[in-house]
Amino acid sequence: MANRAAAALGLREGDREVLARLMRATSGRAGLAQRARIVLLAAEGESNTAIAERVGVSRPTVIGWRSRYADRGITGLDDQERSGRPRMIDHRRVVSVTLAPPPKKYGVTHWSSRLLGQHLGVSNGTIATAWREYGVAPWRSETFKFSTDPELVAKVCDVVGLYLAPPENAIVLCVDEKSQIQALDRTQKMLPMQPGRPERRTHDYLRHGTTTLFAALEIATGTVAGACKPRHRHQEFLAFLKQVARAYPDAELHLVMDNYATHKRIEVRDWLAANPRITTHFTPTSGSWLNLVEVWFGIIERQAIHRGSFHSVRDLNAKIRAFVTGWNDR
């Protein structure tokens, strides 16, 4: 059966003159002139086969350009972006899309460079360059917490004022505990550091129990009084307070503490009331970072605990005490 001739292509108003100019233009792209000629011949009712023979292209090419014009008019005759062809994209647009949540169809919480590159039709290298330029890192996430303490301002002023201008002849101590310190022992002997090679240890370990480190940091000197105890209750905390009081028998003491329930037990409050030379200052709720001993806990964790290997809780306690002694000597 012979192919049925296609109906004449209808032109938009004013397009015939524009197409004729494009076909006659000598400075324009040859491909665009050819496409304009295909559309004009189609508008005159020529069959797709006849147009292909006259223009020197395949019949599917004629059908494709007829369809492009029918859908989008003259703008449909322009070249589309092709894979492998460099494409310039505004980095500000990349960042703008990055800051918005990905569409639900992707099922992800944040963009990766490859996914966003696919979404925008550019390479993941282009995405990564834009992210570096604007300091955007969608793979990172941090936490925050606002204190809801109604006395936030007053407590901050109290603690910071105590640090900056303590009462004359008084000693300021930051008191807290680091609980659940694990005595971890590696299953094999650690391999020491060598030139060009870091210290190595097995990923698995044995647990030998836990200890709690109570500490009081004297802000004027950095000296730390510490005690390791097997449990983390008000009894152990009260015993540590008595140890601190004995270490400073005649001085006026100001203790900075957080709002942990153990610190406010009735037994602790009664003992403090019986020792009026000791004054307590509480950090705001969710503001225990104001307590400077927390900084020291971070130091002992990094320098003595995290990379340690402990055969027992006794071994762990001994090494903690050795660190405290060395710290105070330095």
C-alpha atoms as a PDB file:
ATOM      1  CA  MET A   1       0.000   0.000   0.000  1.00  0.00           C
ATOM      2  CA  ALA A   2       1.397   3.462  -0.863  1.00  0.00           C
ATOM      3  CA  ASN A   3       2.211   5.844   2.012  1.00  0.00           C
ATOM      4  CA  ARG A   4      -0.532   8.407   2.626  1.00  0.00           C
ATOM      5  CA  ALA A   5       0.685  11.974   2.105  1.00  0.00           C
ATOM      6  CA  ALA A   6       0.842  14.074   5.261  1.00  0.00           C
ATOM      7  CA  ALA A   7      -1.497  17.019   5.585  1.00  0.00           C
ATOM      8  CA  ALA A   8      -0.075  20.446   4.877  1.00  0.00           C
ATOM      9  CA  LEU A   9       1.679  21.892   7.930  1.00  0.00           C
ATOM     10  CA  GLY A  10      -0.072  24.935   9.341  1.00  0.00           C
ATOM     11  CA  LEU A  11       2.211  27.933  10.052  1.00  0.00           C
ATOM     12  CA  ARG A  12       1.806  30.349  12.907  1.00  0.00           C
ATOM     13  CA  GLU A  13       0.986  33.927  12.069  1.00  0.00           C
ATOM     14  CA  GLY A  14       4.030  35.809  10.822  1.00  0.00           C
ATOM     15  CA  ASP A  15       6.256  32.725  10.704  1.00  0.00           C
ATOM     16  CA  ARG A  16       6.277  32.383   6.902  1.00  0.00           C
ATOM     17  CA  GLU A  17       8.312  35.576   6.458  1.00  0.00           C
ATOM     18  CA  VAL A  18      10.698  34.622   9.286  1.00  0.00           C
ATOM     19  CA  LEU A  19      11.222  31.134   7.828  1.00  0.00           C
ATOM     20  CA  ALA A  20      11.892  32.582   4.397  1.00  0.00           C
ATOM     21  CA  ARG A  21      14.560  34.887   5.848  1.00  0.00           C
ATOM     22  CA  LEU A  22      16.175  32.019   7.718  1.00  0.00           C
ATOM     23  CA  MET A  23      16.248  29.915   4.539  1.00  0.00           C
ATOM     24  CA  ARG A  24      17.878  32.704   2.492  1.00  0.00           C
ATOM     25  CA  ALA A  25      20.297  33.866   5.182  1.00  0.00           C
ATOM     26  CA  THR A  26      23.976  33.346   4.352  1.00  0.00           C
ATOM     27  CA  SER A  27      25.365  34.249   7.793  1.00  0.00           C
ATOM     28  CA  GLY A  28      23.165  31.893   9.816  1.00  0.00           C
ATOM     29  CA  ARG A  29      23.677  28.239  10.590  1.00  0.00           C
ATOM     30  CA  ALA A  30      23.260  25.957   7.585  1.00  0.00           C
ATOM     31  CA  GLY A  31      21.252  23.514   9.652  1.00  0.00           C
ATOM     32  CA  LEU A  32      18.730  26.183  10.618  1.00  0.00           C
ATOM     33  CA  ALA A  33      18.234  27.194   6.946  1.00  0.00           C
ATOM     34  CA  GLN A  34      17.651  23.565   6.041  1.00  0.00           C
ATOM     35  CA  ARG A  35      15.064  23.150   8.775  1.00  0.00           C
ATOM     36  CA  ALA A  36      13.263  26.326   7.671  1.00  0.00           C
ATOM     37  CA  ARG A  37      13.109  24.958   4.126  1.00  0.00           C
ATOM     38  CA  ILE A  38      11.642  21.657   5.390  1.00  0.00           C
ATOM     39  CA  VAL A  39       8.918  23.511   7.280  1.00  0.00           C
ATOM     40  CA  LEU A  40       8.065  25.761   4.317  1.00  0.00           C
ATOM     41  CA  LEU A  41       7.819  22.793   1.932  1.00  0.00           C
ATOM     42  CA  ALA A  42       5.647  20.965   4.468  1.00  0.00           C
ATOM     43  CA  ALA A  43       3.411  24.039   4.650  1.00  0.00           C
ATOM     44  CA  GLU A  44       3.002  23.893   0.868  1.00  0.00           C
ATOM     45  CA  GLY A  45       1.639  20.355   1.153  1.00  0.00           C
ATOM     46  CA  GLU A  46       4.684  18.470  -0.089  1.00  0.00           C
ATOM     47  CA  SER A  47       4.840  14.858   1.101  1.00  0.00           C
ATOM     48  CA  ASN A  48       7.490  13.857   3.627  1.00  0.00           C
ATOM     49  CA  THR A  49       9.163  11.609   1.051  1.00  0.00           C
ATOM     50  CA  ALA A  50       9.301  14.371  -1.565  1.00  0.00           C
ATOM     51  CA  ILE A  51      10.695  16.867   0.959  1.00  0.00           C
ATOM     52  CA  ALA A  52      13.393  14.390   1.992  1.00  0.00           C
ATOM     53  CA  GLU A  53      14.468  13.927  -1.623  1.00  0.00           C
ATOM     54  CA  ARG A  54      14.527  17.666  -2.388  1.00  0.00           C
ATOM     55  CA  VAL A  55      16.377  18.698   0.784  1.00  0.00           C
ATOM     56  CA  GLY A  56      18.702  15.669   0.897  1.00  0.00           C
ATOM     57  CA  VAL A  57      17.774  14.275   4.297  1.00  0.00           C
ATOM     58  CA  SER A  58      15.981  11.170   5.530  1.00  0.00           C
ATOM     59  CA  ARG A  59      12.218  10.934   5.814  1.00  0.00           C
ATOM     60  CA  PRO A  60      12.356  10.522   9.674  1.00  0.00           C
ATOM     61  CA  THR A  61      14.341  13.778   9.825  1.00  0.00           C
ATOM     62  CA  VAL A  62      11.583  15.579   7.930  1.00  0.00           C
ATOM     63  CA  ILE A  63       8.939  14.103  10.231  1.00  0.00           C
ATOM     64  CA  GLY A  64      10.990  15.132  13.307  1.00  0.00           C
ATOM     65  CA  TRP A  65      11.334  18.786  12.282  1.00  0.00           C
ATOM     66  CA  ARG A  66       7.685  19.005  11.258  1.00  0.00           C
ATOM     67  CA  SER A  67       6.762  17.741  14.723  1.00  0.00           C
ATOM     68  CA  ARG A  68       9.174  20.137  16.470  1.00  0.00           C
ATOM     69  CA  TYR A  69       7.687  23.113  14.654  1.00  0.00           C
ATOM     70  CA  ALA A  70       4.132  21.978  15.308  1.00  0.00           C
ATOM     71  CA  ASP A  71       4.878  21.709  19.040  1.00  0.00           C
ATOM     72  CA  ARG A  72       7.014  24.794  19.676  1.00  0.00           C
ATOM     73  CA  GLY A  73       7.040  26.953  16.584  1.00  0.00           C
ATOM     74  CA  ILE A  74      10.269  28.473  15.275  1.00  0.00           C
ATOM     75  CA  THR A  75      12.020  28.033  18.652  1.00  0.00           C
ATOM     76  CA  GLY A  76      11.616  24.281  18.146  1.00  0.00           C
ATOM     77  CA  LEU A  77      14.061  24.467  15.217  1.00  0.00           C
ATOM     78  CA  ASP A  78      16.981  25.452  17.496  1.00  0.00           C
ATOM     79  CA  ASP A  79      19.520  22.858  18.616  1.00  0.00           C
ATOM     80  CA  GLN A  80      18.790  21.043  21.885  1.00  0.00           C
ATOM     81  CA  GLU A  81      21.419  20.421  24.522  1.00  0.00           C
ATOM     82  CA  ARG A  82      23.267  17.201  23.777  1.00  0.00           C
ATOM     83  CA  SER A  83      25.290  14.893  25.990  1.00  0.00           C
ATOM     84  CA  GLY A  84      28.993  15.551  25.716  1.00  0.00           C
ATOM     85  CA  ARG A  85      28.537  19.175  24.728  1.00  0.00           C
ATOM     86  CA  PRO A  86      29.833  21.707  27.298  1.00  0.00           C
ATOM     87  CA  ARG A  87      26.990  23.494  28.987  1.00  0.00           C
ATOM     88  CA  MET A  88      27.416  26.664  30.999  1.00  0.00           C
ATOM     89  CA  ILE A  89      25.274  26.934  34.109  1.00  0.00           C
ATOM     90  CA  ASP A  90      25.089  29.725  36.639  1.00  0.00           C
ATOM     91  CA  HIS A  91      26.609  28.545  39.909  1.00  0.00           C
ATOM     92  CA  ARG A  92      24.073  30.653  41.764  1.00  0.00           C
ATOM     93  CA  ARG A  93      21.315  28.517  40.265  1.00  0.00           C
ATOM     94  CA  VAL A  94      23.113  25.369  41.426  1.00  0.00           C
ATOM     95  CA  VAL A  95      23.275  26.742  44.969  1.00  0.00           C
ATOM     96  CA  SER A  96      19.659  27.900  44.854  1.00  0.00           C
ATOM     97  CA  VAL A  97      18.463  24.413  43.896  1.00  0.00           C
ATOM     98  CA  THR A  98      20.798  22.832  46.470  1.00  0.00           C
ATOM     99  CA  LEU A  99      19.295  24.852  49.310  1.00  0.00           C
ATOM    100  CA  ALA A 100      15.799  23.582  48.498  1.00  0.00           C
ATOM    101  CA  PRO A 101      14.735  20.036  49.457  1.00  0.00           C
ATOM    102  CA  PRO A 102      15.010  17.480  46.632  1.00  0.00           C
ATOM    103  CA  PRO A 103      11.709  16.540  44.935  1.00  0.00           C
ATOM    104  CA  LYS A 104       9.816  13.763  46.679  1.00  0.00           C
ATOM    105  CA  LYS A 105      10.198  11.503  43.652  1.00  0.00           C
ATOM    106  CA  TYR A 106      13.893  11.019  44.505  1.00  0.00           C
ATOM    107  CA  GLY A 107      13.163   9.788  48.030  1.00  0.00           C
ATOM    108  CA  VAL A 108      16.294  11.395  49.532  1.00  0.00           C
ATOM    109  CA  THR A 109      16.820  13.925  52.312  1.00  0.00           C
ATOM    110  CA  HIS A 110      19.563  15.942  50.608  1.00  0.00           C
ATOM    111  CA  TRP A 111      21.310  16.338  47.282  1.00  0.00           C
ATOM    112  CA  SER A 112      24.396  14.484  46.159  1.00  0.00           C
ATOM    113  CA  SER A 113      26.517  16.006  43.404  1.00  0.00           C
ATOM    114  CA  ARG A 114      25.586  13.219  41.008  1.00  0.00           C
ATOM    115  CA  LEU A 115      21.872  13.392  41.698  1.00  0.00           C
ATOM    116  CA  LEU A 116      21.776  17.182  41.368  1.00  0.00           C
ATOM    117  CA  GLY A 117      23.915  17.003  38.220  1.00  0.00           C
ATOM    118  CA  GLN A 118      21.433  14.558  36.723  1.00  0.00           C
ATOM    119  CA  HIS A 119      18.552  16.787  37.817  1.00  0.00           C
ATOM    120  CA  LEU A 120      20.053  19.897  36.186  1.00  0.00           C
ATOM    121  CA  GLY A 121      21.567  18.120  33.211  1.00  0.00           C
ATOM    122  CA  VAL A 122      25.203  18.956  34.041  1.00  0.00           C
ATOM    123  CA  SER A 123      28.180  16.998  35.312  1.00  0.00           C
ATOM    124  CA  ASN A 124      28.695  16.271  38.992  1.00  0.00           C
ATOM    125  CA  GLY A 125      32.043  18.089  38.669  1.00  0.00           C
ATOM    126  CA  THR A 126      30.174  21.293  37.826  1.00  0.00           C
ATOM    127  CA  ILE A 127      27.998  20.821  40.905  1.00  0.00           C
ATOM    128  CA  ALA A 128      31.039  20.199  43.109  1.00  0.00           C
ATOM    129  CA  THR A 129      32.753  23.339  41.777  1.00  0.00           C
ATOM    130  CA  ALA A 130      29.706  25.466  42.578  1.00  0.00           C
ATOM    131  CA  TRP A 131      29.474  23.985  46.071  1.00  0.00           C
ATOM    132  CA  ARG A 132      33.139  24.745  46.760  1.00  0.00           C
ATOM    133  CA  GLU A 133      32.773  28.294  45.463  1.00  0.00           C
ATOM    134  CA  TYR A 134      29.859  29.068  47.774  1.00  0.00           C
ATOM    135  CA  GLY A 135      30.862  26.874  50.713  1.00  0.00           C
ATOM    136  CA  VAL A 136      27.800  24.620  50.444  1.00  0.00           C
ATOM    137  CA  ALA A 137      28.094  21.099  51.905  1.00  0.00           C
ATOM    138  CA  PRO A 138      24.739  19.265  51.792  1.00  0.00           C
ATOM    139  CA  TRP A 139      26.294  16.040  53.080  1.00  0.00           C
ATOM    140  CA  ARG A 140      27.097  17.711  56.424  1.00  0.00           C
ATOM    141  CA  SER A 141      24.681  18.191  59.277  1.00  0.00           C
ATOM    142  CA  GLU A 142      25.175  19.668  62.743  1.00  0.00           C
ATOM    143  CA  THR A 143      23.011  19.942  65.823  1.00  0.00           C
ATOM    144  CA  PHE A 144      21.902  22.852  67.969  1.00  0.00           C
ATOM    145  CA  LYS A 145      19.789  23.407  71.020  1.00  0.00           C
ATOM    146  CA  PHE A 146      18.385  26.569  72.516  1.00  0.00           C
ATOM    147  CA  SER A 147      18.204  26.764  76.266  1.00  0.00           C
ATOM    148  CA  THR A 148      14.664  27.095  77.568  1.00  0.00           C
ATOM    149  CA  ASP A 149      15.808  28.106  81.043  1.00  0.00           C
ATOM    150  CA  PRO A 150      13.737  31.163  82.145  1.00  0.00           C
ATOM    151  CA  GLU A 151      16.788  32.333  84.128  1.00  0.00           C
ATOM    152  CA  LEU A 152      19.170  31.923  81.190  1.00  0.00           C
ATOM    153  CA  VAL A 153      20.556  35.462  81.187  1.00  0.00           C
ATOM    154  CA  ALA A 154      20.949  35.625  84.948  1.00  0.00           C
ATOM    155  CA  LYS A 155      22.780  32.275  85.123  1.00  0.00           C
ATOM    156  CA  VAL A 156      25.093  33.095  82.227  1.00  0.00           C
ATOM    157  CA  CYS A 157      25.984  36.427  83.800  1.00  0.00           C
ATOM    158  CA  ASP A 158      26.546  34.724  87.155  1.00  0.00           C
ATOM    159  CA  VAL A 159      28.874  32.005  85.823  1.00  0.00           C
ATOM    160  CA  VAL A 160      30.790  34.159  83.367  1.00  0.00           C
ATOM    161  CA  GLY A 161      31.082  36.956  85.926  1.00  0.00           C
ATOM    162  CA  LEU A 162      32.486  34.425  88.392  1.00  0.00           C
ATOM    163  CA  TYR A 163      35.128  33.398  85.840  1.00  0.00           C
ATOM    164  CA  LEU A 164      36.134  36.951  84.989  1.00  0.00           C
ATOM    165  CA  ALA A 165      35.957  38.528  88.452  1.00  0.00           C
ATOM    166  CA  PRO A 166      35.832  35.952  91.267  1.00  0.00           C
ATOM    167  CA  PRO A 167      35.354  37.184  94.844  1.00  0.00           C
ATOM    168  CA  GLU A 168      38.583  38.226  96.529  1.00  0.00           C
ATOM    169  CA  ASN A 169      40.421  35.374  98.274  1.00  0.00           C
ATOM    170  CA  ALA A 170      37.818  32.879  97.038  1.00  0.00           C
ATOM    171  CA  ILE A 171      38.524  29.755  94.995  1.00  0.00           C
ATOM    172  CA  VAL A 172      36.334  28.947  92.005  1.00  0.00           C
ATOM    173  CA  LEU A 173      36.007  25.273  91.092  1.00  0.00           C
ATOM    174  CA  CYS A 174      34.193  23.778  88.103  1.00  0.00           C
ATOM    175  CA  VAL A 175      32.729  20.457  89.252  1.00  0.00           C
ATOM    176  CA  ASP A 176      31.219  17.660  87.199  1.00  0.00           C
ATOM    177  CA  GLU A 177      31.482  13.948  86.462  1.00  0.00           C
ATOM    178  CA  LYS A 178      32.298  11.952  83.352  1.00  0.00           C
ATOM    179  CA  SER A 179      30.277   8.777  83.666  1.00  0.00           C
ATOM    180  CA  GLN A 180      30.291   5.420  81.893  1.00  0.00           C
ATOM    181  CA  ILE A 181      33.960   5.513  80.878  1.00  0.00           C
ATOM    182  CA  GLN A 182      34.526   2.060  79.410  1.00  0.00           C
ATOM    183  CA  ALA A 183      37.586  -0.056  80.084  1.00  0.00           C
ATOM    184  CA  LEU A 184      38.069  -1.338  76.551  1.00  0.00           C
ATOM    185  CA  ASP A 185      40.777  -3.833  75.725  1.00  0.00           C
ATOM    186  CA  ARG A 186      41.721  -4.595  72.117  1.00  0.00           C
ATOM    187  CA  THR A 187      41.569  -8.227  71.075  1.00  0.00           C
ATOM    188  CA  GLN A 188      45.125  -8.098  69.700  1.00  0.00           C
ATOM    189  CA  LYS A 189      48.238  -6.137  70.504  1.00  0.00           C
ATOM    190  CA  MET A 190      48.326  -2.664  68.949  1.00  0.00           C
ATOM    191  CA  LEU A 191      50.894  -2.026  66.235  1.00  0.00           C
ATOM    192  CA  PRO A 192      53.027   1.031  67.053  1.00  0.00           C
ATOM    193  CA  MET A 193      53.382   4.097  64.875  1.00  0.00           C
ATOM    194  CA  GLN A 194      56.223   4.043  62.337  1.00  0.00           C
ATOM    195  CA  PRO A 195      57.497   6.571  59.805  1.00  0.00           C
ATOM    196  CA  GLY A 196      54.870   6.818  57.114  1.00  0.00           C
ATOM    197  CA  ARG A 197      52.430   4.600  59.002  1.00  0.00           C
ATOM    198  CA  PRO A 198      50.054   5.518  61.863  1.00  0.00           C
ATOM    199  CA  GLU A 199      49.421   3.467  64.988  1.00  0.00           C
ATOM    200  CA  ARG A 200      47.048   0.604  64.233  1.00  0.00           C
ATOM    201  CA  ARG A 201      44.628  -1.298  66.401  1.00  0.00           C
ATOM    202  CA  THR A 202      41.947  -3.905  65.884  1.00  0.00           C
ATOM    203  CA  HIS A 203      38.426  -2.684  65.310  1.00  0.00           C
ATOM    204  CA  ASP A 204      36.991  -5.112  67.854  1.00  0.00           C
ATOM    205  CA  TYR A 205      37.485  -5.003  71.611  1.00  0.00           C
ATOM    206  CA  LEU A 206      36.619  -6.553  74.947  1.00  0.00           C
ATOM    207  CA  ARG A 207      34.661  -4.698  77.613  1.00  0.00           C
ATOM    208  CA  HIS A 208      35.888  -4.915  81.197  1.00  0.00           C
ATOM    209  CA  GLY A 209      33.399  -2.612  82.925  1.00  0.00           C
ATOM    210  CA  THR A 210      33.034   1.118  83.477  1.00  0.00           C
ATOM    211  CA  THR A 211      34.110   3.845  85.855  1.00  0.00           C
ATOM    212  CA  THR A 212      32.974   7.384  86.657  1.00  0.00           C
ATOM    213  CA  LEU A 213      35.452  10.220  86.914  1.00  0.00           C
ATOM    214  CA  PHE A 214      34.525  13.065  89.284  1.00  0.00           C
ATOM    215  CA  ALA A 215      36.616  16.192  88.750  1.00  0.00           C
ATOM    216  CA  ALA A 216      36.968  19.717  90.106  1.00  0.00           C
ATOM    217  CA  LEU A 217      38.918  22.202  87.974  1.00  0.00           C
ATOM    218  CA  GLU A 218      40.383  25.256  89.729  1.00  0.00           C
ATOM    219  CA  ILE A 219      40.018  28.050  87.187  1.00  0.00           C
ATOM    220  CA  ALA A 220      42.839  30.195  88.594  1.00  0.00           C
ATOM    221  CA  THR A 221      45.519  27.530  88.164  1.00  0.00           C
ATOM    222  CA  GLY A 222      44.034  24.774  85.989  1.00  0.00           C
ATOM    223  CA  THR A 223      44.720  22.249  88.749  1.00  0.00           C
ATOM    224  CA  VAL A 224      42.320  19.302  88.811  1.00  0.00           C
ATOM    225  CA  ALA A 225      41.176  17.258  91.789  1.00  0.00           C
ATOM    226  CA  GLY A 226      39.785  13.934  90.618  1.00  0.00           C
ATOM    227  CA  ALA A 227      38.332  10.709  91.914  1.00  0.00           C
ATOM    228  CA  CYS A 228      37.273   7.508  90.153  1.00  0.00           C
ATOM    229  CA  LYS A 229      34.225   5.745  91.542  1.00  0.00           C
ATOM    230  CA  PRO A 230      32.358   2.626  90.423  1.00  0.00           C
ATOM    231  CA  ARG A 231      28.908   4.226  90.405  1.00  0.00           C
ATOM    232  CA  HIS A 232      27.286   7.537  89.544  1.00  0.00           C
ATOM    233  CA  ARG A 233      24.915   8.362  92.395  1.00  0.00           C
ATOM    234  CA  HIS A 234      24.402  11.193  94.845  1.00  0.00           C
ATOM    235  CA  GLN A 235      26.356   9.213  97.457  1.00  0.00           C
ATOM    236  CA  GLU A 236      29.482   9.214  95.281  1.00  0.00           C
ATOM    237  CA  PHE A 237      28.976  12.865  94.360  1.00  0.00           C
ATOM    238  CA  LEU A 238      28.600  13.897  97.996  1.00  0.00           C
ATOM    239  CA  ALA A 239      31.711  11.933  98.920  1.00  0.00           C
ATOM    240  CA  PHE A 240      33.614  13.811  96.209  1.00  0.00           C
ATOM    241  CA  LEU A 241      32.365  17.177  97.473  1.00  0.00           C
ATOM    242  CA  LYS A 242      33.674  16.280 100.926  1.00  0.00           C
ATOM    243  CA  GLN A 243      37.023  15.366  99.340  1.00  0.00           C
ATOM    244  CA  VAL A 244      37.140  18.777  97.641  1.00  0.00           C
ATOM    245  CA  ALA A 245      36.249  20.535 100.882  1.00  0.00           C
ATOM    246  CA  ARG A 246      39.107  18.738 102.670  1.00  0.00           C
ATOM    247  CA  ALA A 247      41.510  19.780  99.898  1.00  0.00           C
ATOM    248  CA  TYR A 248      40.630  23.448 100.570  1.00  0.00           C
ATOM    249  CA  PRO A 249      39.975  23.388 104.333  1.00  0.00           C
ATOM    250  CA  ASP A 250      39.822  27.106 105.103  1.00  0.00           C
ATOM    251  CA  ALA A 251      39.000  28.757 101.772  1.00  0.00           C
ATOM    252  CA  GLU A 252      35.749  30.230 100.539  1.00  0.00           C
ATOM    253  CA  LEU A 253      34.671  27.949  97.680  1.00  0.00           C
ATOM    254  CA  HIS A 254      32.441  28.706  94.705  1.00  0.00           C
ATOM    255  CA  LEU A 255      31.358  25.598  92.799  1.00  0.00           C
ATOM    256  CA  VAL A 256      30.079  25.746  89.224  1.00  0.00           C
ATOM    257  CA  MET A 257      27.815  22.767  88.453  1.00  0.00           C
ATOM    258  CA  ASP A 258      25.176  21.742  85.950  1.00  0.00           C
ATOM    259  CA  ASN A 259      21.576  20.802  86.700  1.00  0.00           C
ATOM    260  CA  TYR A 260      22.012  17.044  86.896  1.00  0.00           C
ATOM    261  CA  ALA A 261      19.533  15.610  89.419  1.00  0.00           C
ATOM    262  CA  THR A 262      22.332  14.113  91.536  1.00  0.00           C
ATOM    263  CA  HIS A 263      23.685  17.605  92.207  1.00  0.00           C
ATOM    264  CA  LYS A 264      20.375  18.739  93.720  1.00  0.00           C
ATOM    265  CA  ARG A 265      19.483  15.768  95.919  1.00  0.00           C
ATOM    266  CA  ILE A 266      18.247  16.670  99.390  1.00  0.00           C
ATOM    267  CA  GLU A 267      21.308  15.021 100.968  1.00  0.00           C
ATOM    268  CA  VAL A 268      23.604  17.235  98.886  1.00  0.00           C
ATOM    269  CA  ARG A 269      21.589  20.369  99.619  1.00  0.00           C
ATOM    270  CA  ASP A 270      21.599  19.629 103.364  1.00  0.00           C
ATOM    271  CA  TRP A 271      25.379  19.167 103.363  1.00  0.00           C
ATOM    272  CA  LEU A 272      25.916  22.413 101.456  1.00  0.00           C
ATOM    273  CA  ALA A 273      23.634  24.232 103.882  1.00  0.00           C
ATOM    274  CA  ALA A 274      25.771  22.944 106.735  1.00  0.00           C
ATOM    275  CA  ASN A 275      28.892  24.306 105.019  1.00  0.00           C
ATOM    276  CA  PRO A 276      28.125  27.969 104.305  1.00  0.00           C
ATOM    277  CA  ARG A 277      31.664  28.665 103.061  1.00  0.00           C
ATOM    278  CA  ILE A 278      30.694  26.729  99.892  1.00  0.00           C
ATOM    279  CA  THR A 279      28.469  28.509  97.351  1.00  0.00           C
ATOM    280  CA  THR A 280      27.026  26.786  94.298  1.00  0.00           C
ATOM    281  CA  HIS A 281      26.444  28.351  90.879  1.00  0.00           C
ATOM    282  CA  PHE A 282      24.344  26.391  88.383  1.00  0.00           C
ATOM    283  CA  THR A 283      24.739  26.620  84.620  1.00  0.00           C
ATOM    284  CA  PRO A 284      21.541  27.151  82.587  1.00  0.00           C
ATOM    285  CA  THR A 285      19.468  24.205  81.425  1.00  0.00           C
ATOM    286  CA  SER A 286      21.078  22.802  78.244  1.00  0.00           C
ATOM    287  CA  GLY A 287      24.068  25.028  78.953  1.00  0.00           C
ATOM    288  CA  SER A 288      26.476  22.702  80.752  1.00  0.00           C
ATOM    289  CA  TRP A 289      29.137  23.699  78.181  1.00  0.00           C
ATOM    290  CA  LEU A 290      29.582  26.833  80.330  1.00  0.00           C
ATOM    291  CA  ASN A 291      31.241  24.600  82.881  1.00  0.00           C
ATOM    292  CA  LEU A 292      34.972  24.743  82.052  1.00  0.00           C
ATOM    293  CA  VAL A 293      35.650  21.271  83.410  1.00  0.00           C
ATOM    294  CA  GLU A 294      33.812  19.986  80.322  1.00  0.00           C
ATOM    295  CA  VAL A 295      36.755  21.252  78.271  1.00  0.00           C
ATOM    296  CA  TRP A 296      39.131  19.280  80.462  1.00  0.00           C
ATOM    297  CA  PHE A 297      36.991  16.153  80.067  1.00  0.00           C
ATOM    298  CA  GLY A 298      37.442  16.532  76.322  1.00  0.00           C
ATOM    299  CA  ILE A 299      41.207  16.745  76.765  1.00  0.00           C
ATOM    300  CA  ILE A 300      41.518  13.629  78.908  1.00  0.00           C
ATOM    301  CA  GLU A 301      39.217  11.735  76.508  1.00  0.00           C
ATOM    302  CA  ARG A 302      41.410  12.579  73.498  1.00  0.00           C
ATOM    303  CA  GLN A 303      44.795  12.245  75.162  1.00  0.00           C
ATOM    304  CA  ALA A 304      44.386   9.333  77.581  1.00  0.00           C
ATOM    305  CA  ILE A 305      41.156   7.369  77.128  1.00  0.00           C
ATOM    306  CA  HIS A 306      40.011   7.125  73.508  1.00  0.00           C
ATOM    307  CA  ARG A 307      43.140   5.427  72.165  1.00  0.00           C
ATOM    308  CA  GLY A 308      43.929   3.527  75.325  1.00  0.00           C
ATOM    309  CA  SER A 309      43.742  -0.215  75.870  1.00  0.00           C
ATOM    310  CA  PHE A 310      42.732  -1.231  79.393  1.00  0.00           C
ATOM    311  CA  HIS A 311      42.872  -4.746  80.799  1.00  0.00           C
ATOM    312  CA  SER A 312      40.505  -3.949  83.687  1.00  0.00           C
ATOM    313  CA  VAL A 313      38.660  -1.112  85.420  1.00  0.00           C
ATOM    314  CA  ARG A 314      41.538  -0.944  87.911  1.00  0.00           C
ATOM    315  CA  ASP A 315      43.933  -0.425  85.019  1.00  0.00           C
ATOM    316  CA  LEU A 316      41.681   2.311  83.595  1.00  0.00           C
ATOM    317  CA  ASN A 317      41.448   4.084  86.942  1.00  0.00           C
ATOM    318  CA  ALA A 318      45.231   3.940  87.393  1.00  0.00           C
ATOM    319  CA  LYS A 319      45.828   5.529  84.005  1.00  0.00           C
ATOM    320  CA  ILE A 320      43.261   8.246  84.679  1.00  0.00           C
ATOM    321  CA  ARG A 321      44.981   9.073  87.973  1.00  0.00           C
ATOM    322  CA  ALA A 322      48.352   9.101  86.206  1.00  0.00           C
ATOM    323  CA  PHE A 323      46.989  11.588  83.663  1.00  0.00           C
ATOM    324  CA  VAL A 324      45.600  13.839  86.408  1.00  0.00           C
ATOM    325  CA  THR A 325      48.946  13.793  88.233  1.00  0.00           C
ATOM    326  CA  GLY A 326      50.831  14.578  85.031  1.00  0.00           C
ATOM    327  CA  TRP A 327      48.375  17.338  84.162  1.00  0.00           C
ATOM    328  CA  ASN A 328      48.796  19.028  87.525  1.00  0.00           C
ATOM    329  CA  ASP A 329      52.603  18.749  87.334  1.00  0.00           C
ATOM    330  CA  ARG A 330      52.563  20.451  83.928  1.00  0.00           C
END
